[in-house]
All heavy atoms as atom14 arrays in JSON, in Angstrom:
{
  "sequence": "ALRNGTLRLPGLFLPLISATAGFSDDPRRPGMIDRACTLLFAVHSL",
  "atom14_mask": [
    [1, 1, 1, 1, 1, 0, 0, 0, 0, 0, 0, 0, 0, 0],
    [1, 1, 1, 1, 1, 1, 1, 1, 0, 0, 0, 0, 0, 0],
    [1, 1, 1, 1, 1, 1, 1, 1, 1, 1, 1, 0, 0, 0],
    [1, 1, 1, 1, 1, 1, 1, 1, 0, 0, 0, 0, 0, 0],
    [1, 1, 1, 1, 0, 0, 0, 0, 0, 0, 0, 0, 0, 0],
    [1, 1, 1, 1, 1, 1, 1, 0, 0, 0, 0, 0, 0, 0],
    [1, 1, 1, 1, 1, 1, 1, 1, 0, 0, 0, 0, 0, 0],
    [1, 1, 1, 1, 1, 1, 1, 1, 1, 1, 1, 0, 0, 0],
    [1, 1, 1, 1, 1, 1, 1, 1, 0, 0, 0, 0, 0, 0],
    [1, 1, 1, 1, 1, 1, 1, 0, 0, 0, 0, 0, 0, 0],
    [1, 1, 1, 1, 0, 0, 0, 0, 0, 0, 0, 0, 0, 0],
    [1, 1, 1, 1, 1, 1, 1, 1, 0, 0, 0, 0, 0, 0],
    [1, 1, 1, 1, 1, 1, 1, 1, 1, 1, 1, 0, 0, 0],
    [1, 1, 1, 1, 1, 1, 1, 1, 0, 0, 0, 0, 0, 0],
    [1, 1, 1, 1, 1, 1, 1, 0, 0, 0, 0, 0, 0, 0],
    [1, 1, 1, 1, 1, 1, 1, 1, 0, 0, 0, 0, 0, 0],
    [1, 1, 1, 1, 1, 1, 1, 1, 0, 0, 0, 0, 0, 0],
    [1, 1, 1, 1, 1, 1, 0, 0, 0, 0, 0, 0, 0, 0],
    [1, 1, 1, 1, 1, 0, 0, 0, 0, 0, 0, 0, 0, 0],
    [1, 1, 1, 1, 1, 1, 1, 0, 0, 0, 0, 0, 0, 0],
    [1, 1, 1, 1, 1, 0, 0, 0, 0, 0, 0, 0, 0, 0],
    [1, 1, 1, 1, 0, 0, 0, 0, 0, 0, 0, 0, 0, 0],
    [1, 1, 1, 1, 1, 1, 1, 1, 1, 1, 1, 0, 0, 0],
    [1, 1, 1, 1, 1, 1, 0, 0, 0, 0, 0, 0, 0, 0],
    [1, 1, 1, 1, 1, 1, 1, 1, 0, 0, 0, 0, 0, 0],
    [1, 1, 1, 1, 1, 1, 1, 1, 0, 0, 0, 0, 0, 0],
    [1, 1, 1, 1, 1, 1, 1, 0, 0, 0, 0, 0, 0, 0],
    [1, 1, 1, 1, 1, 1, 1, 1, 1, 1, 1, 0, 0, 0],
    [1, 1, 1, 1, 1, 1, 1, 1, 1, 1, 1, 0, 0, 0],
    [1, 1, 1, 1, 1, 1, 1, 0, 0, 0, 0, 0, 0, 0],
    [1, 1, 1, 1, 0, 0, 0, 0, 0, 0, 0, 0, 0, 0],
    [1, 1, 1, 1, 1, 1, 1, 1, 0, 0, 0, 0, 0, 0],
    [1, 1, 1, 1, 1, 1, 1, 1, 0, 0, 0, 0, 0, 0],
    [1, 1, 1, 1, 1, 1, 1, 1, 0, 0, 0, 0, 0, 0],
    [1, 1, 1, 1, 1, 1, 1, 1, 1, 1, 1, 0, 0, 0],
    [1, 1, 1, 1, 1, 0, 0, 0, 0, 0, 0, 0, 0, 0],
    [1, 1, 1, 1, 1, 1, 0, 0, 0, 0, 0, 0, 0, 0],
    [1, 1, 1, 1, 1, 1, 1, 0, 0, 0, 0, 0, 0, 0],
    [1, 1, 1, 1, 1, 1, 1, 1, 0, 0, 0, 0, 0, 0],
    [1, 1, 1, 1, 1, 1, 1, 1, 0, 0, 0, 0, 0, 0],
    [1, 1, 1, 1, 1, 1, 1, 1, 1, 1, 1, 0, 0, 0],
    [1, 1, 1, 1, 1, 0, 0, 0, 0, 0, 0, 0, 0, 0],
    [1, 1, 1, 1, 1, 1, 1, 0, 0, 0, 0, 0, 0, 0],
    [1, 1, 1, 1, 1, 1, 1, 1, 1, 1, 0, 0, 0, 0],
    [1, 1, 1, 1, 1, 1, 0, 0, 0, 0, 0, 0, 0, 0],
    [1, 1, 1, 1, 1, 1, 1, 1, 0, 0, 0, 0, 0, 0]
  ],
  "atom14_positions": [
    [[-15.4, 43.19, 58.17], [-15.76, 42.49, 59.41], [-15.4, 41.01, 59.32], [-14.89, 40.42, 60.29], [-17.25, 42.65, 59.68], [0.0, 0.0, 0.0], [0.0, 0.0, 0.0], [0.0, 0.0, 0.0], [0.0, 0.0, 0.0], [0.0, 0.0, 0.0], [0.0, 0.0, 0.0], [0.0, 0.0, 0.0], [0.0, 0.0, 0.0], [0.0, 0.0, 0.0]],
    [[-15.62, 40.41, 58.16], [-15.29, 39.0, 57.99], [-13.78, 38.78, 58.01], [-13.3, 37.76, 58.52], [-15.88, 38.47, 56.68], [-17.4, 38.32, 56.64], [-17.87, 37.98, 55.23], [-17.87, 37.24, 57.62], [0.0, 0.0, 0.0], [0.0, 0.0, 0.0], [0.0, 0.0, 0.0], [0.0, 0.0, 0.0], [0.0, 0.0, 0.0], [0.0, 0.0, 0.0]],
    [[-13.02, 39.71, 57.45], [-11.56, 39.55, 57.44], [-10.95, 39.72, 58.82], [-9.93, 39.1, 59.14], [-10.92, 40.55, 56.49], [-11.07, 40.18, 55.04], [-10.09, 40.89, 54.14], [-10.41, 40.56, 52.76], [-10.03, 39.45, 52.16], [-9.3, 38.57, 52.83], [-10.37, 39.19, 50.92], [0.0, 0.0, 0.0], [0.0, 0.0, 0.0], [0.0, 0.0, 0.0]],
    [[-11.54, 40.56, 59.62], [-10.91, 40.94, 60.88], [-11.51, 40.31, 62.11], [-10.92, 40.38, 63.19], [-10.95, 42.47, 61.04], [-10.24, 43.19, 59.91], [-9.17, 42.78, 59.51], [-10.84, 44.25, 59.39], [0.0, 0.0, 0.0], [0.0, 0.0, 0.0], [0.0, 0.0, 0.0], [0.0, 0.0, 0.0], [0.0, 0.0, 0.0], [0.0, 0.0, 0.0]],
    [[-12.68, 39.7, 61.99], [-13.35, 39.17, 63.17], [-13.63, 37.68, 63.05], [-13.71, 37.14, 61.96], [0.0, 0.0, 0.0], [0.0, 0.0, 0.0], [0.0, 0.0, 0.0], [0.0, 0.0, 0.0], [0.0, 0.0, 0.0], [0.0, 0.0, 0.0], [0.0, 0.0, 0.0], [0.0, 0.0, 0.0], [0.0, 0.0, 0.0], [0.0, 0.0, 0.0]],
    [[-13.73, 37.01, 64.19], [-14.02, 35.59, 64.19], [-14.96, 35.27, 65.34], [-14.88, 35.86, 66.41], [-12.74, 34.75, 64.33], [-13.09, 33.36, 64.4], [-11.95, 35.12, 65.56], [0.0, 0.0, 0.0], [0.0, 0.0, 0.0], [0.0, 0.0, 0.0], [0.0, 0.0, 0.0], [0.0, 0.0, 0.0], [0.0, 0.0, 0.0], [0.0, 0.0, 0.0]],
    [[-15.85, 34.32, 65.1], [-16.76, 33.85, 66.14], [-16.32, 32.51, 66.71], [-17.03, 31.91, 67.5], [-18.18, 33.71, 65.55], [-18.8, 34.99, 65.0], [-20.17, 34.69, 64.38], [-18.95, 36.04, 66.11], [0.0, 0.0, 0.0], [0.0, 0.0, 0.0], [0.0, 0.0, 0.0], [0.0, 0.0, 0.0], [0.0, 0.0, 0.0], [0.0, 0.0, 0.0]],
    [[-15.13, 32.03, 66.32], [-14.69, 30.69, 66.71], [-13.92, 30.65, 68.02], [-13.71, 29.58, 68.57], [-13.83, 30.08, 65.6], [-14.56, 29.98, 64.29], [-13.75, 29.26, 63.24], [-14.42, 29.29, 61.95], [-14.0, 28.69, 60.86], [-12.89, 27.98, 60.89], [-14.67, 28.78, 59.74], [0.0, 0.0, 0.0], [0.0, 0.0, 0.0], [0.0, 0.0, 0.0]],
    [[-13.46, 31.78, 68.48], [-12.66, 31.8, 69.7], [-13.55, 31.78, 70.93], [-14.68, 32.27, 70.88], [-11.76, 33.04, 69.71], [-10.73, 33.08, 68.58], [-10.0, 34.42, 68.61], [-9.74, 31.94, 68.69], [0.0, 0.0, 0.0], [0.0, 0.0, 0.0], [0.0, 0.0, 0.0], [0.0, 0.0, 0.0], [0.0, 0.0, 0.0], [0.0, 0.0, 0.0]],
    [[-13.08, 31.19, 72.05], [-11.73, 30.67, 72.26], [-11.47, 29.33, 71.58], [-10.35, 29.08, 71.16], [-11.62, 30.57, 73.78], [-13.02, 30.37, 74.24], [-13.88, 31.17, 73.3], [0.0, 0.0, 0.0], [0.0, 0.0, 0.0], [0.0, 0.0, 0.0], [0.0, 0.0, 0.0], [0.0, 0.0, 0.0], [0.0, 0.0, 0.0], [0.0, 0.0, 0.0]],
    [[-12.43, 28.43, 71.51], [-12.28, 27.2, 70.74], [-11.04, 26.39, 71.08], [-10.35, 25.89, 70.19], [0.0, 0.0, 0.0], [0.0, 0.0, 0.0], [0.0, 0.0, 0.0], [0.0, 0.0, 0.0], [0.0, 0.0, 0.0], [0.0, 0.0, 0.0], [0.0, 0.0, 0.0], [0.0, 0.0, 0.0], [0.0, 0.0, 0.0], [0.0, 0.0, 0.0]],
    [[-10.75, 26.21, 72.37], [-9.52, 25.53, 72.79], [-9.7, 24.02, 72.99], [-8.71, 23.3, 73.12], [-9.01, 26.14, 74.1], [-8.43, 27.55, 73.99], [-8.22, 28.13, 75.38], [-7.13, 27.55, 73.22], [0.0, 0.0, 0.0], [0.0, 0.0, 0.0], [0.0, 0.0, 0.0], [0.0, 0.0, 0.0], [0.0, 0.0, 0.0], [0.0, 0.0, 0.0]],
    [[-10.94, 23.55, 73.04], [-11.18, 22.11, 73.27], [-10.94, 21.39, 71.95], [-11.83, 20.8, 71.35], [-12.61, 21.91, 73.76], [-12.77, 20.72, 74.69], [-13.95, 20.53, 75.36], [-11.74, 19.82, 74.91], [-14.12, 19.45, 76.22], [-11.89, 18.74, 75.76], [-13.1, 18.55, 76.42], [0.0, 0.0, 0.0], [0.0, 0.0, 0.0], [0.0, 0.0, 0.0]],
    [[-9.67, 21.39, 71.52], [-9.34, 21.13, 70.12], [-9.41, 19.69, 69.68], [-9.7, 19.44, 68.5], [-7.97, 21.73, 69.82], [-8.03, 23.27, 69.84], [-6.65, 23.85, 69.99], [-8.68, 23.77, 68.58], [0.0, 0.0, 0.0], [0.0, 0.0, 0.0], [0.0, 0.0, 0.0], [0.0, 0.0, 0.0], [0.0, 0.0, 0.0], [0.0, 0.0, 0.0]],
    [[-9.17, 18.69, 70.51], [-9.37, 17.33, 70.0], [-10.8, 17.07, 69.53], [-11.04, 16.21, 68.7], [-9.02, 16.45, 71.21], [-8.07, 17.28, 72.01], [-8.57, 18.69, 71.85], [0.0, 0.0, 0.0], [0.0, 0.0, 0.0], [0.0, 0.0, 0.0], [0.0, 0.0, 0.0], [0.0, 0.0, 0.0], [0.0, 0.0, 0.0], [0.0, 0.0, 0.0]],
    [[-11.75, 17.86, 70.05], [-13.14, 17.69, 69.66], [-13.48, 18.38, 68.35], [-14.38, 17.93, 67.63], [-14.08, 18.23, 70.75], [-14.53, 17.22, 71.81], [-13.35, 16.75, 72.63], [-15.59, 17.83, 72.71], [0.0, 0.0, 0.0], [0.0, 0.0, 0.0], [0.0, 0.0, 0.0], [0.0, 0.0, 0.0], [0.0, 0.0, 0.0], [0.0, 0.0, 0.0]],
    [[-12.8, 19.47, 68.03], [-13.21, 20.26, 66.86], [-12.14, 20.35, 65.79], [-12.35, 20.98, 64.76], [-13.66, 21.69, 67.28], [-12.56, 22.4, 68.07], [-14.94, 21.63, 68.08], [-12.92, 23.82, 68.47], [0.0, 0.0, 0.0], [0.0, 0.0, 0.0], [0.0, 0.0, 0.0], [0.0, 0.0, 0.0], [0.0, 0.0, 0.0], [0.0, 0.0, 0.0]],
    [[-10.98, 19.73, 66.02], [-9.98, 19.64, 64.95], [-10.37, 18.5, 64.01], [-11.11, 17.6, 64.38], [-8.59, 19.39, 65.53], [-8.16, 20.49, 66.3], [0.0, 0.0, 0.0], [0.0, 0.0, 0.0], [0.0, 0.0, 0.0], [0.0, 0.0, 0.0], [0.0, 0.0, 0.0], [0.0, 0.0, 0.0], [0.0, 0.0, 0.0], [0.0, 0.0, 0.0]],
    [[-9.87, 18.55, 62.8], [-10.15, 17.52, 61.81], [-8.89, 16.74, 61.51], [-7.79, 17.3, 61.47], [-10.69, 18.15, 60.53], [0.0, 0.0, 0.0], [0.0, 0.0, 0.0], [0.0, 0.0, 0.0], [0.0, 0.0, 0.0], [0.0, 0.0, 0.0], [0.0, 0.0, 0.0], [0.0, 0.0, 0.0], [0.0, 0.0, 0.0], [0.0, 0.0, 0.0]],
    [[-9.05, 15.44, 61.28], [-7.93, 14.59, 60.9], [-8.09, 14.12, 59.47], [-9.18, 13.7, 59.07], [-7.83, 13.38, 61.84], [-7.35, 13.82, 63.1], [-6.85, 12.34, 61.3], [0.0, 0.0, 0.0], [0.0, 0.0, 0.0], [0.0, 0.0, 0.0], [0.0, 0.0, 0.0], [0.0, 0.0, 0.0], [0.0, 0.0, 0.0], [0.0, 0.0, 0.0]],
    [[-7.03, 14.21, 58.69], [-6.99, 13.68, 57.33], [-5.96, 12.57, 57.29], [-4.78, 12.8, 57.57], [-6.63, 14.78, 56.34], [0.0, 0.0, 0.0], [0.0, 0.0, 0.0], [0.0, 0.0, 0.0], [0.0, 0.0, 0.0], [0.0, 0.0, 0.0], [0.0, 0.0, 0.0], [0.0, 0.0, 0.0], [0.0, 0.0, 0.0], [0.0, 0.0, 0.0]],
    [[-6.4, 11.37, 56.98], [-5.47, 10.27, 56.83], [-4.86, 10.26, 55.44], [-5.58, 10.46, 54.45], [0.0, 0.0, 0.0], [0.0, 0.0, 0.0], [0.0, 0.0, 0.0], [0.0, 0.0, 0.0], [0.0, 0.0, 0.0], [0.0, 0.0, 0.0], [0.0, 0.0, 0.0], [0.0, 0.0, 0.0], [0.0, 0.0, 0.0], [0.0, 0.0, 0.0]],
    [[-3.57, 10.09, 55.33], [-2.89, 10.09, 54.04], [-2.79, 8.66, 53.5], [-2.62, 7.71, 54.25], [-1.48, 10.66, 54.17], [-1.42, 12.13, 54.48], [-0.24, 12.71, 54.91], [-2.54, 12.94, 54.35], [-0.16, 14.06, 55.2], [-2.49, 14.29, 54.64], [-1.3, 14.86, 55.06], [0.0, 0.0, 0.0], [0.0, 0.0, 0.0], [0.0, 0.0, 0.0]],
    [[-2.87, 8.54, 52.19], [-2.6, 7.26, 51.55], [-1.15, 6.87, 51.8], [-0.28, 7.72, 51.96], [-2.85, 7.33, 50.04], [-4.19, 7.69, 49.76], [0.0, 0.0, 0.0], [0.0, 0.0, 0.0], [0.0, 0.0, 0.0], [0.0, 0.0, 0.0], [0.0, 0.0, 0.0], [0.0, 0.0, 0.0], [0.0, 0.0, 0.0], [0.0, 0.0, 0.0]],
    [[-0.91, 5.57, 51.84], [0.46, 5.11, 52.03], [1.33, 5.54, 50.85], [0.89, 5.51, 49.7], [0.5, 3.58, 52.14], [-0.1, 3.1, 53.45], [-0.11, 3.88, 54.42], [-0.54, 1.94, 53.49], [0.0, 0.0, 0.0], [0.0, 0.0, 0.0], [0.0, 0.0, 0.0], [0.0, 0.0, 0.0], [0.0, 0.0, 0.0], [0.0, 0.0, 0.0]],
    [[2.53, 5.97, 51.15], [3.5, 6.25, 50.11], [3.88, 4.93, 49.45], [4.33, 4.0, 50.15], [4.73, 6.93, 50.72], [5.7, 7.47, 49.68], [5.92, 6.76, 48.67], [6.24, 8.56, 49.88], [0.0, 0.0, 0.0], [0.0, 0.0, 0.0], [0.0, 0.0, 0.0], [0.0, 0.0, 0.0], [0.0, 0.0, 0.0], [0.0, 0.0, 0.0]],
    [[3.7, 4.78, 48.14], [3.98, 3.5, 47.49], [5.43, 3.05, 47.64], [5.73, 1.86, 47.49], [3.61, 3.73, 46.03], [3.61, 5.22, 45.85], [3.19, 5.78, 47.18], [0.0, 0.0, 0.0], [0.0, 0.0, 0.0], [0.0, 0.0, 0.0], [0.0, 0.0, 0.0], [0.0, 0.0, 0.0], [0.0, 0.0, 0.0], [0.0, 0.0, 0.0]],
    [[6.32, 3.96, 47.96], [7.72, 3.59, 48.14], [8.0, 2.97, 49.51], [9.1, 2.51, 49.78], [8.6, 4.82, 47.93], [8.46, 5.44, 46.54], [9.12, 6.79, 46.46], [8.48, 7.78, 47.32], [8.82, 9.07, 47.4], [9.83, 9.52, 46.65], [8.18, 9.9, 48.2], [0.0, 0.0, 0.0], [0.0, 0.0, 0.0], [0.0, 0.0, 0.0]],
    [[6.98, 3.02, 50.39], [7.06, 2.44, 51.72], [8.23, 2.98, 52.55], [9.04, 2.21, 53.1], [7.15, 0.91, 51.66], [5.98, 0.26, 50.94], [4.71, 0.41, 51.74], [3.57, -0.22, 51.07], [2.33, -0.22, 51.56], [2.09, 0.37, 52.7], [1.34, -0.79, 50.88], [0.0, 0.0, 0.0], [0.0, 0.0, 0.0], [0.0, 0.0, 0.0]],
    [[8.39, 4.29, 52.66], [9.47, 4.81, 53.5], [9.17, 4.58, 54.97], [8.01, 4.46, 55.38], [9.49, 6.3, 53.16], [8.06, 6.59, 52.78], [7.57, 5.37, 52.08], [0.0, 0.0, 0.0], [0.0, 0.0, 0.0], [0.0, 0.0, 0.0], [0.0, 0.0, 0.0], [0.0, 0.0, 0.0], [0.0, 0.0, 0.0], [0.0, 0.0, 0.0]],
    [[10.2, 4.52, 55.78], [10.02, 4.44, 57.21], [9.58, 5.77, 57.78], [9.4, 6.75, 57.06], [0.0, 0.0, 0.0], [0.0, 0.0, 0.0], [0.0, 0.0, 0.0], [0.0, 0.0, 0.0], [0.0, 0.0, 0.0], [0.0, 0.0, 0.0], [0.0, 0.0, 0.0], [0.0, 0.0, 0.0], [0.0, 0.0, 0.0], [0.0, 0.0, 0.0]],
    [[9.43, 5.81, 59.1], [8.91, 7.01, 59.75], [9.75, 8.25, 59.46], [9.22, 9.32, 59.12], [8.84, 6.8, 61.27], [8.35, 8.01, 62.05], [8.41, 7.74, 63.84], [10.18, 7.63, 64.11], [0.0, 0.0, 0.0], [0.0, 0.0, 0.0], [0.0, 0.0, 0.0], [0.0, 0.0, 0.0], [0.0, 0.0, 0.0], [0.0, 0.0, 0.0]],
    [[11.08, 8.14, 59.55], [11.93, 9.31, 59.39], [11.84, 9.85, 57.96], [11.66, 11.06, 57.75], [13.39, 8.97, 59.75], [13.5, 8.59, 61.23], [14.29, 10.16, 59.45], [13.19, 9.7, 62.19], [0.0, 0.0, 0.0], [0.0, 0.0, 0.0], [0.0, 0.0, 0.0], [0.0, 0.0, 0.0], [0.0, 0.0, 0.0], [0.0, 0.0, 0.0]],
    [[11.97, 8.97, 56.97], [11.91, 9.44, 55.59], [10.52, 9.98, 55.25], [10.4, 10.95, 54.5], [12.29, 8.32, 54.62], [13.8, 8.13, 54.52], [14.53, 8.93, 55.15], [14.25, 7.2, 53.83], [0.0, 0.0, 0.0], [0.0, 0.0, 0.0], [0.0, 0.0, 0.0], [0.0, 0.0, 0.0], [0.0, 0.0, 0.0], [0.0, 0.0, 0.0]],
    [[9.47, 9.34, 55.78], [8.12, 9.87, 55.53], [8.0, 11.26, 56.13], [7.43, 12.17, 55.52], [7.08, 8.93, 56.13], [5.62, 9.29, 55.75], [5.31, 8.81, 54.36], [4.05, 9.31, 53.81], [2.87, 8.71, 53.92], [2.77, 7.59, 54.61], [1.81, 9.22, 53.34], [0.0, 0.0, 0.0], [0.0, 0.0, 0.0], [0.0, 0.0, 0.0]],
    [[8.51, 11.44, 57.33], [8.46, 12.76, 57.97], [9.24, 13.8, 57.17], [8.82, 14.95, 57.04], [9.0, 12.66, 59.4], [0.0, 0.0, 0.0], [0.0, 0.0, 0.0], [0.0, 0.0, 0.0], [0.0, 0.0, 0.0], [0.0, 0.0, 0.0], [0.0, 0.0, 0.0], [0.0, 0.0, 0.0], [0.0, 0.0, 0.0], [0.0, 0.0, 0.0]],
    [[10.39, 13.4, 56.63], [11.18, 14.32, 55.81], [10.4, 14.78, 54.58], [10.38, 15.97, 54.25], [12.49, 13.66, 55.38], [13.7, 13.39, 56.68], [0.0, 0.0, 0.0], [0.0, 0.0, 0.0], [0.0, 0.0, 0.0], [0.0, 0.0, 0.0], [0.0, 0.0, 0.0], [0.0, 0.0, 0.0], [0.0, 0.0, 0.0], [0.0, 0.0, 0.0]],
    [[9.76, 13.84, 53.9], [9.01, 14.23, 52.7], [7.85, 15.15, 53.06], [7.53, 16.07, 52.31], [8.48, 12.99, 51.96], [7.55, 12.27, 52.78], [9.62, 12.07, 51.53], [0.0, 0.0, 0.0], [0.0, 0.0, 0.0], [0.0, 0.0, 0.0], [0.0, 0.0, 0.0], [0.0, 0.0, 0.0], [0.0, 0.0, 0.0], [0.0, 0.0, 0.0]],
    [[7.22, 14.93, 54.2], [6.13, 15.8, 54.64], [6.65, 17.21, 54.91], [6.01, 18.21, 54.57], [5.46, 15.23, 55.89], [4.7, 13.91, 55.72], [4.26, 13.38, 57.08], [3.5, 14.08, 54.8], [0.0, 0.0, 0.0], [0.0, 0.0, 0.0], [0.0, 0.0, 0.0], [0.0, 0.0, 0.0], [0.0, 0.0, 0.0], [0.0, 0.0, 0.0]],
    [[7.81, 17.28, 55.55], [8.4, 18.6, 55.85], [8.7, 19.37, 54.56], [8.35, 20.56, 54.45], [9.67, 18.41, 56.68], [10.36, 19.67, 57.19], [11.03, 19.38, 58.53], [11.4, 20.2, 56.21], [0.0, 0.0, 0.0], [0.0, 0.0, 0.0], [0.0, 0.0, 0.0], [0.0, 0.0, 0.0], [0.0, 0.0, 0.0], [0.0, 0.0, 0.0]],
    [[9.3, 18.7, 53.59], [9.59, 19.37, 52.33], [8.3, 19.75, 51.6], [8.23, 20.79, 50.94], [10.46, 18.48, 51.45], [11.92, 18.48, 51.82], [12.45, 17.48, 52.61], [12.76, 19.51, 51.4], [13.79, 17.48, 52.96], [14.1, 19.53, 51.75], [14.62, 18.51, 52.54], [0.0, 0.0, 0.0], [0.0, 0.0, 0.0], [0.0, 0.0, 0.0]],
    [[7.28, 18.91, 51.7], [6.0, 19.19, 51.04], [5.35, 20.45, 51.61], [4.81, 21.27, 50.87], [5.06, 18.0, 51.17], [0.0, 0.0, 0.0], [0.0, 0.0, 0.0], [0.0, 0.0, 0.0], [0.0, 0.0, 0.0], [0.0, 0.0, 0.0], [0.0, 0.0, 0.0], [0.0, 0.0, 0.0], [0.0, 0.0, 0.0], [0.0, 0.0, 0.0]],
    [[5.4, 20.61, 52.94], [4.81, 21.8, 53.55], [5.56, 23.05, 53.11], [4.95, 24.07, 52.77], [4.8, 21.68, 55.09], [4.34, 22.99, 55.72], [3.87, 20.55, 55.53], [0.0, 0.0, 0.0], [0.0, 0.0, 0.0], [0.0, 0.0, 0.0], [0.0, 0.0, 0.0], [0.0, 0.0, 0.0], [0.0, 0.0, 0.0], [0.0, 0.0, 0.0]],
    [[6.88, 22.99, 53.12], [7.66, 24.15, 52.67], [7.33, 24.49, 51.21], [7.22, 25.66, 50.83], [9.16, 23.87, 52.82], [9.72, 24.31, 54.12], [10.07, 25.62, 54.37], [10.0, 23.61, 55.26], [10.56, 25.71, 55.6], [10.52, 24.52, 56.16], [0.0, 0.0, 0.0], [0.0, 0.0, 0.0], [0.0, 0.0, 0.0], [0.0, 0.0, 0.0]],
    [[7.18, 23.48, 50.39], [6.84, 23.7, 48.98], [5.48, 24.35, 48.83], [5.3, 25.3, 48.05], [6.88, 22.35, 48.25], [6.34, 22.46, 46.95], [0.0, 0.0, 0.0], [0.0, 0.0, 0.0], [0.0, 0.0, 0.0], [0.0, 0.0, 0.0], [0.0, 0.0, 0.0], [0.0, 0.0, 0.0], [0.0, 0.0, 0.0], [0.0, 0.0, 0.0]],
    [[4.49, 23.83, 49.57], [3.14, 24.4, 49.49], [3.12, 25.82, 50.02], [2.47, 26.71, 49.44], [2.17, 23.53, 50.27], [0.7, 23.98, 50.27], [0.15, 24.05, 48.85], [-0.15, 23.06, 51.14], [0.0, 0.0, 0.0], [0.0, 0.0, 0.0], [0.0, 0.0, 0.0], [0.0, 0.0, 0.0], [0.0, 0.0, 0.0], [0.0, 0.0, 0.0]]
  ]
}
């Protein structure tokens, strides 16, 4: 029942119930594009 069912739906008012995690600054200080690239590769790796 726990694997197949959820009590969280519909749960669409998402700005209210989503969580934000702020990341520490990359010490290499990349710009927006390079920071985004590293994040993309990190997600694929994880």
